[in-house]
Amino acid sequence: MRISLVDWPRLESAVIAAGHGDDIEWAENLKPPANADEFAAEIIFVICNSGMKHTVARGIYDRVMLEAQYIGLCVNERQFHRELLKLKIKPREWPKFTNINALATTHFFENHKEHGRIAVVCITTSRSKTTEQIYALLVHEAVHIWQSERDFIGEDKPGHETEAYAIQNIAQALMVAFRDLR
């Protein structure tokens, strides 16, 4: 279906009458992204907020991006301590590398001055673990990070796709970090 200039005033009035006038203003003032990071952030916005009114979606997105978590990955205790020093976390606040009997543990640190919210995943690796087993543990920890983010933004019922994309992105970042540590 083609929309002509003759149709536009009627359609614009209907959109405004439905309470979406601010969405027209927003769309008319869009500017192209300045760089790849800005473009990626806009893609994230679209994926996470599909179907929501722009003003509602933008509020959620802004809170998430403002408080985006720093995510680190450590495969041994020495590396974990170096990461905590780099993040300027006081030694008295340092937890154990992993919880008792755990193969992996995610540690959360709130209200950090430079990094906001921090998640540091600690995973024990050994020659007896396959790459697939390690990746499965990283996905498990990615779910915990997503759960923390979801709770932080006050999202009780995220859409299935939103949740899947969020976990996928966190898990992928952890897998890339693991690959880079090797």
Foldseek 3Di string as FASTA:
>chain_A
DDDDPVNVVVVLVVCVVVPQNVVVVVVVPDDDDPDDVSVVLVVLLCQQQPPDRVVVSVVLSVVCVVQPEAEAEEADDVVVVVVCVVLVPDPVPDDDLDPPPDQKDWDWDADRPPGHIYIYIYGHDDPVDDPVNVLVVLLVVLLVVLVVSCVVSPNDDGDPSNSVVSSVVSSVVNSVNVVVVD
